[in-house]
């Protein structure tokens, strides 16, 4: 059940940016494709790892989408910590 939820979440994260990008009428330039590939490689994607291809690129795309979402929200990434108030 957990893997089904993760698969649905990854599919949603991937399709939302693709659906938004599908609205443009201009094709991608070579520089844009190279920039996208560089972002995916920075997020952990290895284009030479064919054994883990679908999971590898989907995980990297999810990381890039999460990074973009955190930049758009203005709040940044979550932190784990504690605080005390009172006496």
Protein backbone atom coordinates (compact mmCIF):
# COMPACT_ATOMS: atom_id res chain seq x y z
CA UNK A 1 0.00 0.00 0.00
CA UNK A 2 2.86 2.35 0.84
CA UNK A 3 4.58 1.70 -2.49
CA UNK A 4 1.30 2.40 -4.32
CA UNK A 5 1.02 5.74 -2.53
CA UNK A 6 4.62 6.60 -3.38
CA UNK A 7 4.09 5.67 -7.03
CA UNK A 8 0.99 7.87 -7.23
CA UNK A 9 2.79 10.76 -5.54
CA UNK A 10 5.72 10.51 -7.96
CA UNK A 11 3.38 10.29 -10.94
CA UNK A 12 1.55 13.43 -9.80
CA UNK A 13 4.80 15.31 -9.22
CA UNK A 14 5.99 14.43 -12.70
CA UNK A 15 2.77 15.06 -14.62
CA UNK A 16 1.94 18.45 -13.11
CA UNK A 17 5.05 20.21 -14.46
CA UNK A 18 4.72 18.37 -17.76
CA UNK A 19 1.09 19.44 -18.13
CA UNK A 20 2.01 23.05 -17.39
CA UNK A 21 4.89 22.91 -19.84
CA UNK A 22 2.69 21.40 -22.55
CA UNK A 23 0.93 24.74 -22.88
CA UNK A 24 3.88 26.39 -24.63
CA UNK A 25 4.04 26.36 -28.41
CA UNK A 26 7.80 26.55 -28.81
CA UNK A 27 10.03 23.46 -28.77
CA UNK A 28 12.87 23.11 -26.30
CA UNK A 29 16.22 24.50 -27.30
CA UNK A 30 19.39 22.45 -26.97
CA UNK A 31 20.54 24.69 -24.13
CA UNK A 32 17.29 24.10 -22.21
CA UNK A 33 17.61 20.33 -22.60
CA UNK A 34 21.22 20.43 -21.38
CA UNK A 35 20.22 22.64 -18.42
CA UNK A 36 17.43 20.22 -17.49
CA UNK A 37 19.81 17.27 -17.70
CA UNK A 38 22.36 19.11 -15.55
CA UNK A 39 19.68 19.80 -12.90
CA UNK A 40 18.65 16.13 -12.92
CA UNK A 41 22.26 14.97 -12.60
CA UNK A 42 22.77 17.39 -9.71
CA UNK A 43 19.69 15.85 -8.06
CA UNK A 44 21.22 12.36 -8.30
CA UNK A 45 20.26 11.10 -11.76
CA UNK A 46 22.87 8.96 -13.49
CA UNK A 47 22.16 8.70 -17.25
CA UNK A 48 24.51 5.72 -17.53
CA UNK A 49 22.62 3.61 -14.96
CA UNK A 50 20.25 1.68 -17.24
CA UNK A 51 19.47 -0.98 -14.66
CA UNK A 52 17.55 1.49 -12.47
CA UNK A 53 16.35 3.79 -15.25
CA UNK A 54 12.72 4.56 -14.46
CA UNK A 55 13.15 4.78 -10.70
CA UNK A 56 16.40 6.73 -11.01
CA UNK A 57 15.03 9.55 -13.17
CA UNK A 58 11.69 9.69 -11.38
CA UNK A 59 13.41 10.15 -8.03
CA UNK A 60 15.62 12.90 -9.45
CA UNK A 61 12.61 14.63 -11.03
CA UNK A 62 10.76 14.45 -7.72
CA UNK A 63 13.74 16.06 -5.96
CA UNK A 64 13.90 18.84 -8.58
CA UNK A 65 10.13 19.40 -8.32
CA UNK A 66 10.36 19.57 -4.51
CA UNK A 67 13.22 22.05 -4.79
CA UNK A 68 11.21 24.19 -7.20
CA UNK A 69 8.18 24.03 -4.92
CA UNK A 70 10.21 25.12 -1.90
CA UNK A 71 11.64 28.04 -3.87
CA UNK A 72 8.17 29.07 -5.05
CA UNK A 73 6.62 28.91 -1.58
CA UNK A 74 9.16 31.30 -0.07
CA UNK A 75 9.50 29.26 3.10
CA UNK A 76 12.40 27.04 2.19
CA UNK A 77 13.00 23.50 3.31
CA UNK A 78 11.73 22.18 6.60
CA UNK A 79 14.05 21.93 9.56
CA UNK A 80 13.86 19.56 12.45
CA UNK A 81 14.61 21.10 15.78
CA UNK A 82 13.10 22.03 19.08
CA UNK A 83 12.48 25.14 21.07
CA UNK A 84 11.40 25.92 24.59
CA UNK A 85 9.33 28.74 25.94
CA UNK A 86 8.40 29.68 29.44
CA UNK A 87 10.40 29.92 32.62
